[in-house]
Amino acid sequence: MASRVFVKDIAVTDGWEMQIVRFEPGARFPVHTHESPEFLFILEGELVQAGRRMGPGWASVAGAGTIDDDVHSETGCVFVLVDRA
C-alpha cells in the first residue's frame, strides 16, 4: 500500500472485498492496472483521479484493464472501495 494510505477490510464474500480507505493530506497512490472492476464511493474530503476532483457523494467505476496513473488527495479523504479480493 502507498505511504499515508490506510485500508480497513470491512467485508469479504465470493471473491469480492469491501474496504474503507483513508488518504492523509498529500497522499498519492502509485500507478496501477485494475485486474478486475473497482467501485469507489467518497465519504469525506476530496480525491483526485485522472484530474477529476471528487467529493462526498461522488462515485467512480474502473473497468478491468484500466490504468490509474494519477490518484491523490491534497486535503485527505475517506472512501468505500469494492473490488475483487
C-alpha atoms as a PDB file:
ATOM      1  CA  MET A   1       0.000   0.000   0.000  1.00  0.00           C
ATOM      2  CA  ALA A   2       1.111   3.587  -0.534  1.00  0.00           C
ATOM      3  CA  SER A   3       2.522   5.869   2.130  1.00  0.00           C
ATOM      4  CA  ARG A   4      -0.160   7.755   4.106  1.00  0.00           C
ATOM      5  CA  VAL A   5      -2.892   5.473   2.718  1.00  0.00           C
ATOM      6  CA  PHE A   6      -4.699   3.264   5.239  1.00  0.00           C
ATOM      7  CA  VAL A   7      -7.074   0.395   4.411  1.00  0.00           C
ATOM      8  CA  LYS A   8      -9.534  -1.460   6.648  1.00  0.00           C
ATOM      9  CA  ASP A   9     -11.297  -4.567   5.344  1.00  0.00           C
ATOM     10  CA  ILE A  10     -14.972  -4.492   6.294  1.00  0.00           C
ATOM     11  CA  ALA A  11     -16.464  -7.380   4.274  1.00  0.00           C
ATOM     12  CA  VAL A  12     -15.335 -10.237   2.031  1.00  0.00           C
ATOM     13  CA  THR A  13     -17.583 -12.667   0.166  1.00  0.00           C
ATOM     14  CA  ASP A  14     -17.479 -14.743  -3.014  1.00  0.00           C
ATOM     15  CA  GLY A  15     -14.149 -13.245  -4.069  1.00  0.00           C
ATOM     16  CA  TRP A  16     -15.201  -9.598  -3.555  1.00  0.00           C
ATOM     17  CA  GLU A  17     -13.990  -7.298  -0.809  1.00  0.00           C
ATOM     18  CA  MET A  18     -15.265  -4.034   0.630  1.00  0.00           C
ATOM     19  CA  GLN A  19     -12.817  -1.691   2.311  1.00  0.00           C
ATOM     20  CA  ILE A  20     -12.724   1.710   3.955  1.00  0.00           C
ATOM     21  CA  VAL A  21      -9.726   3.644   2.590  1.00  0.00           C
ATOM     22  CA  ARG A  22      -8.269   6.781   4.166  1.00  0.00           C
ATOM     23  CA  PHE A  23      -5.821   9.072   2.380  1.00  0.00           C
ATOM     24  CA  GLU A  24      -3.995  11.517   4.613  1.00  0.00           C
ATOM     25  CA  PRO A  25      -3.453  15.005   3.098  1.00  0.00           C
ATOM     26  CA  GLY A  26      -0.874  14.801   0.318  1.00  0.00           C
ATOM     27  CA  ALA A  27      -1.147  11.016  -0.104  1.00  0.00           C
ATOM     28  CA  ARG A  28      -0.624   9.623  -3.599  1.00  0.00           C
ATOM     29  CA  PHE A  29      -1.371   6.122  -4.858  1.00  0.00           C
ATOM     30  CA  PRO A  30       1.158   4.535  -7.260  1.00  0.00           C
ATOM     31  CA  VAL A  31       0.324   3.831 -10.908  1.00  0.00           C
ATOM     32  CA  HIS A  32      -1.610   0.569 -11.137  1.00  0.00           C
ATOM     33  CA  THR A  33      -3.687  -1.529 -13.534  1.00  0.00           C
ATOM     34  CA  HIS A  34      -7.073  -2.849 -12.484  1.00  0.00           C
ATOM     35  CA  GLU A  35      -7.216  -6.623 -12.824  1.00  0.00           C
ATOM     36  CA  SER A  36     -10.982  -6.558 -12.240  1.00  0.00           C
ATOM     37  CA  PRO A  37     -13.692  -3.890 -11.878  1.00  0.00           C
ATOM     38  CA  GLU A  38     -13.309  -1.469  -8.971  1.00  0.00           C
ATOM     39  CA  PHE A  39     -16.021   0.674  -7.427  1.00  0.00           C
ATOM     40  CA  LEU A  40     -15.471   3.564  -5.030  1.00  0.00           C
ATOM     41  CA  PHE A  41     -17.722   5.992  -3.180  1.00  0.00           C
ATOM     42  CA  ILE A  42     -16.355   9.125  -1.492  1.00  0.00           C
ATOM     43  CA  LEU A  43     -17.496   9.650   2.113  1.00  0.00           C
ATOM     44  CA  GLU A  44     -15.317  12.590   3.248  1.00  0.00           C
ATOM     45  CA  GLY A  45     -12.792  15.004   1.762  1.00  0.00           C
ATOM     46  CA  GLU A  46     -11.659  15.127  -1.854  1.00  0.00           C
ATOM     47  CA  LEU A  47      -9.978  12.530  -4.082  1.00  0.00           C
ATOM     48  CA  VAL A  48      -8.379  13.464  -7.406  1.00  0.00           C
ATOM     49  CA  GLN A  49      -8.470  10.700 -10.009  1.00  0.00           C
ATOM     50  CA  ALA A  50      -7.043  11.437 -13.509  1.00  0.00           C
ATOM     51  CA  GLY A  51      -7.559  15.159 -12.899  1.00  0.00           C
ATOM     52  CA  ARG A  52     -11.199  14.750 -11.804  1.00  0.00           C
ATOM     53  CA  ARG A  53     -11.912  16.094  -8.312  1.00  0.00           C
ATOM     54  CA  MET A  54     -14.456  14.004  -6.413  1.00  0.00           C
ATOM     55  CA  GLY A  55     -16.037  14.976  -3.103  1.00  0.00           C
ATOM     56  CA  PRO A  56     -18.555  13.401  -0.729  1.00  0.00           C
ATOM     57  CA  GLY A  57     -21.298  11.516  -2.555  1.00  0.00           C
ATOM     58  CA  TRP A  58     -19.286  11.038  -5.754  1.00  0.00           C
ATOM     59  CA  ALA A  59     -18.806   7.533  -7.154  1.00  0.00           C
ATOM     60  CA  SER A  60     -16.311   6.107  -9.633  1.00  0.00           C
ATOM     61  CA  VAL A  61     -16.060   2.820 -11.514  1.00  0.00           C
ATOM     62  CA  ALA A  62     -12.878   1.477 -13.108  1.00  0.00           C
ATOM     63  CA  GLY A  63     -13.120  -1.366 -15.606  1.00  0.00           C
ATOM     64  CA  ALA A  64     -10.789  -4.345 -15.719  1.00  0.00           C
ATOM     65  CA  GLY A  65      -7.598  -3.485 -17.587  1.00  0.00           C
ATOM     66  CA  THR A  66      -7.835   0.267 -16.995  1.00  0.00           C
ATOM     67  CA  ILE A  67      -4.859   2.133 -15.560  1.00  0.00           C
ATOM     68  CA  ASP A  68      -4.888   4.653 -12.705  1.00  0.00           C
ATOM     69  CA  ASP A  69      -1.865   6.908 -13.085  1.00  0.00           C
ATOM     70  CA  ASP A  70      -2.876   9.932 -11.012  1.00  0.00           C
ATOM     71  CA  VAL A  71      -4.779   9.191  -7.794  1.00  0.00           C
ATOM     72  CA  HIS A  72      -4.122  11.523  -4.869  1.00  0.00           C
ATOM     73  CA  SER A  73      -5.688  13.743  -2.232  1.00  0.00           C
ATOM     74  CA  GLU A  74      -4.442  17.202  -1.374  1.00  0.00           C
ATOM     75  CA  THR A  75      -6.900  17.568   1.538  1.00  0.00           C
ATOM     76  CA  GLY A  76      -7.243  13.957   2.684  1.00  0.00           C
ATOM     77  CA  CYS A  77     -10.301  11.772   2.125  1.00  0.00           C
ATOM     78  CA  VAL A  78     -12.174   8.635   3.146  1.00  0.00           C
ATOM     79  CA  PHE A  79     -13.925   6.344   0.669  1.00  0.00           C
ATOM     80  CA  VAL A  80     -15.501   2.925   0.327  1.00  0.00           C
ATOM     81  CA  LEU A  81     -13.744   0.647  -2.161  1.00  0.00           C
ATOM     82  CA  VAL A  82     -15.199  -2.587  -3.596  1.00  0.00           C
ATOM     83  CA  ASP A  83     -13.078  -4.867  -5.770  1.00  0.00           C
ATOM     84  CA  ARG A  84     -12.003  -8.485  -6.254  1.00  0.00           C
ATOM     85  CA  ALA A  85     -10.139  -9.997  -3.305  1.00  0.00           C
END
